[in-house]
Amino acid sequence: MRTQDRLSAPGTEFRDFMTQWPTGVTVITTDDGSAPAGCTVNAMMSLSVRPPTLLVSLATGSGTLEAIRRTRLFGVSVLCSQQSDLCGRFATGTQADRFRDVPTHVVSGVPLLADAAAAMVCDLRDELVYGDHALLVGMPLWHDVDTTSAPLVLHQRAFRALD
C-alpha cells in the first residue's frame, strides 16, 4: 500500500517511514561504578574514518545517557541474529532487569554483551542535544569483531536474516 499524503501525524508517520530503513541493533552500555547501565539503540553509524569516530543517538531522558555523561566511556555491542531477545530486554525495564543473567565481559570498566557480532569501547568526545535525543560522538579505544556471526537486522518492525 502506498501513501503520498503530507505528514498529518508526524511522530507516527515518521516512525512508519523509518521502518523502511533496515538497521542493525546495538546495545549501548557503561558502568558508573554504582551499577551497569545499558539500552537498545539502532541509531548508530560511522561518523569518520580519520579520526575513527562513531555516532550513537540516545533519548535525553535515558538513564544510560546520564551514566555515560558521568563515565565519559561507552560500549557498543552489535547484536548477532541469535540475540533478538536482548533487543526488547534492553529497551524496557529497570537497569538491573536488563543485565540480570546476561553474560558480559568488561573492557576498560565498560560491560559488553558476550557473543555479540562485534563490540567496541569508546571515549565520549562530544555531545549534541537535538529534540528529544542526544547524539554522542565516540572515539574507539578497543574493538572485537566475530566475522562468523550474522548481525541482528530490524526492518518493518521485524527481525530479518541477511541472505
Protein backbone atom coordinates (compact mmCIF):
# COMPACT_ATOMS: atom_id res chain seq x y z
CA MET A 1 0.00 0.00 0.00
CA ARG A 2 1.41 3.39 -0.97
CA THR A 3 0.58 6.68 0.67
CA GLN A 4 1.67 10.06 -0.59
CA ASP A 5 -0.04 12.31 1.92
CA ARG A 6 1.70 15.03 3.84
CA LEU A 7 2.60 14.13 7.39
CA SER A 8 -0.58 14.56 9.39
CA ALA A 9 0.69 12.75 12.48
CA PRO A 10 4.43 13.40 12.27
CA GLY A 11 5.51 11.09 15.11
CA THR A 12 3.63 8.02 13.93
CA GLU A 13 4.13 8.57 10.23
CA PHE A 14 7.80 9.40 10.67
CA ARG A 15 8.30 6.15 12.59
CA ASP A 16 6.44 4.30 9.81
CA PHE A 17 8.78 5.88 7.27
CA MET A 18 11.85 4.88 9.30
CA THR A 19 10.75 1.22 9.45
CA GLN A 20 11.59 1.02 5.75
CA TRP A 21 15.25 1.64 6.63
CA PRO A 22 16.84 -1.66 7.70
CA THR A 23 19.16 -1.20 10.67
CA GLY A 24 21.42 -3.22 12.84
CA VAL A 25 20.64 -3.45 16.53
CA THR A 26 23.12 -2.48 19.22
CA VAL A 27 23.14 -2.30 22.98
CA ILE A 28 24.98 0.71 24.38
CA THR A 29 26.48 0.15 27.83
CA THR A 30 28.53 1.76 30.57
CA ASP A 31 29.13 1.41 34.30
CA ASP A 32 29.48 4.47 36.51
CA GLY A 33 30.65 2.43 39.49
CA SER A 34 27.22 2.03 41.06
CA ALA A 35 25.77 -0.43 38.53
CA PRO A 36 25.91 -1.24 34.83
CA ALA A 37 23.59 0.73 32.55
CA GLY A 38 22.54 -0.09 29.02
CA CYS A 39 19.88 0.41 26.37
CA THR A 40 18.92 -0.77 22.90
CA VAL A 41 19.97 1.58 20.09
CA ASN A 42 19.53 1.17 16.36
CA ALA A 43 20.73 4.70 15.55
CA MET A 44 24.46 4.06 15.33
CA MET A 45 26.74 4.91 12.45
CA SER A 46 30.30 5.53 11.40
CA LEU A 47 30.97 9.25 11.55
CA SER A 48 34.56 9.47 10.34
CA VAL A 49 37.47 7.24 9.44
CA ARG A 50 40.08 9.95 10.11
CA PRO A 51 39.90 10.16 13.04
CA PRO A 52 37.89 7.00 13.62
CA THR A 53 34.64 8.04 15.30
CA LEU A 54 31.11 6.77 15.54
CA LEU A 55 27.81 8.35 16.40
CA VAL A 56 25.03 6.96 18.59
CA SER A 57 21.69 8.52 19.47
CA LEU A 58 20.09 8.12 22.91
CA ALA A 59 16.91 9.61 24.34
CA THR A 60 17.65 12.60 26.55
CA GLY A 61 15.73 11.00 29.41
CA SER A 62 17.81 7.82 29.27
CA GLY A 63 19.47 6.60 32.45
CA THR A 64 22.17 5.11 30.24
CA LEU A 65 22.90 8.56 28.81
CA GLU A 66 23.23 10.02 32.30
CA ALA A 67 25.69 7.28 33.27
CA ILE A 68 27.72 7.83 30.06
CA ARG A 69 27.93 11.53 30.85
CA ARG A 70 29.49 10.60 34.22
CA THR A 71 31.93 7.97 32.94
CA ARG A 72 32.77 9.53 29.53
CA LEU A 73 33.00 5.93 28.24
CA PHE A 74 30.50 3.69 26.49
CA GLY A 75 30.38 0.29 24.89
CA VAL A 76 28.66 -0.75 21.70
CA SER A 77 27.62 -4.38 21.35
CA VAL A 78 26.32 -5.21 17.86
CA LEU A 79 23.75 -7.94 18.49
CA CYS A 80 24.02 -11.13 16.49
CA SER A 81 21.00 -12.77 14.88
CA GLN A 82 20.57 -15.15 17.84
CA GLN A 83 20.26 -12.27 20.34
CA SER A 84 16.86 -10.84 19.35
CA ASP A 85 15.59 -11.35 22.91
CA LEU A 86 18.17 -8.82 24.15
CA CYS A 87 16.78 -6.14 21.86
CA GLY A 88 13.48 -5.96 23.77
CA ARG A 89 15.08 -6.62 27.11
CA PHE A 90 17.41 -3.60 26.90
CA ALA A 91 14.61 -1.38 25.58
CA THR A 92 12.38 -1.66 28.67
CA GLY A 93 12.50 -2.35 32.38
CA THR A 94 15.00 -1.42 35.04
CA GLN A 95 18.73 -1.42 34.50
CA ALA A 96 19.06 -4.32 36.95
CA ASP A 97 16.49 -6.37 35.00
CA ARG A 98 18.24 -5.62 31.71
CA PHE A 99 21.53 -7.13 32.91
CA ARG A 100 20.08 -9.96 35.03
CA ASP A 101 21.53 -13.30 33.82
CA VAL A 102 23.03 -11.69 30.70
CA PRO A 103 26.64 -12.76 30.19
CA THR A 104 29.02 -9.81 29.85
CA HIS A 105 32.74 -9.16 29.84
CA VAL A 106 34.34 -5.94 30.97
CA VAL A 107 36.86 -3.92 28.96
CA SER A 108 38.24 -0.68 30.40
CA GLY A 109 35.48 -0.73 33.01
CA VAL A 110 32.71 -0.99 30.39
CA PRO A 111 30.45 -4.06 30.30
CA LEU A 112 29.99 -5.57 26.83
CA LEU A 113 27.50 -8.27 25.92
CA ALA A 114 29.00 -11.70 25.40
CA ASP A 115 28.61 -13.38 22.00
CA ALA A 116 27.91 -10.09 20.17
CA ALA A 117 28.70 -9.91 16.45
CA ALA A 118 31.05 -7.02 17.24
CA ALA A 119 31.91 -4.93 20.27
CA MET A 120 33.66 -1.62 20.83
CA VAL A 121 34.56 0.63 23.75
CA CYS A 122 34.52 4.36 23.02
CA ASP A 123 35.69 7.52 24.70
CA LEU A 124 32.92 10.14 24.64
CA ARG A 125 34.32 13.05 22.63
CA ASP A 126 31.29 15.25 22.00
CA GLU A 127 27.54 15.50 22.52
CA LEU A 128 24.83 17.38 20.68
CA VAL A 129 21.28 17.52 22.03
CA TYR A 130 18.60 17.91 19.39
CA GLY A 131 14.90 17.44 20.07
CA ASP A 132 14.39 14.56 22.46
CA HIS A 133 17.71 12.82 21.70
CA ALA A 134 21.42 13.32 22.27
CA LEU A 135 23.96 12.48 19.60
CA LEU A 136 27.13 11.09 21.14
CA VAL A 137 30.42 11.10 19.26
CA GLY A 138 32.70 8.30 20.39
CA MET A 139 36.33 7.57 19.59
CA PRO A 140 37.14 3.85 19.63
CA LEU A 141 39.57 2.65 22.29
CA TRP A 142 39.11 -1.11 21.78
CA HIS A 143 37.13 -3.38 19.47
CA ASP A 144 36.46 -7.03 18.68
CA VAL A 145 34.69 -8.50 15.65
CA ASP A 146 33.30 -12.02 15.15
CA THR A 147 33.37 -12.41 11.37
CA THR A 148 31.44 -15.69 11.59
CA SER A 149 28.43 -14.12 13.30
CA ALA A 150 25.46 -12.62 11.39
CA PRO A 151 24.17 -9.32 12.80
CA LEU A 152 20.61 -8.81 14.01
CA VAL A 153 18.73 -6.69 11.47
CA LEU A 154 15.47 -4.81 12.08
CA HIS A 155 13.22 -3.97 9.12
CA GLN A 156 9.49 -3.12 9.13
CA ARG A 157 9.33 -3.79 12.88
CA ALA A 158 10.55 -7.37 12.46
CA PHE A 159 13.91 -9.10 12.74
CA ARG A 160 15.32 -10.22 9.38
CA ALA A 161 18.06 -12.55 8.29
CA LEU A 162 20.72 -11.46 5.85
CA ASP A 163 20.84 -13.69 2.78
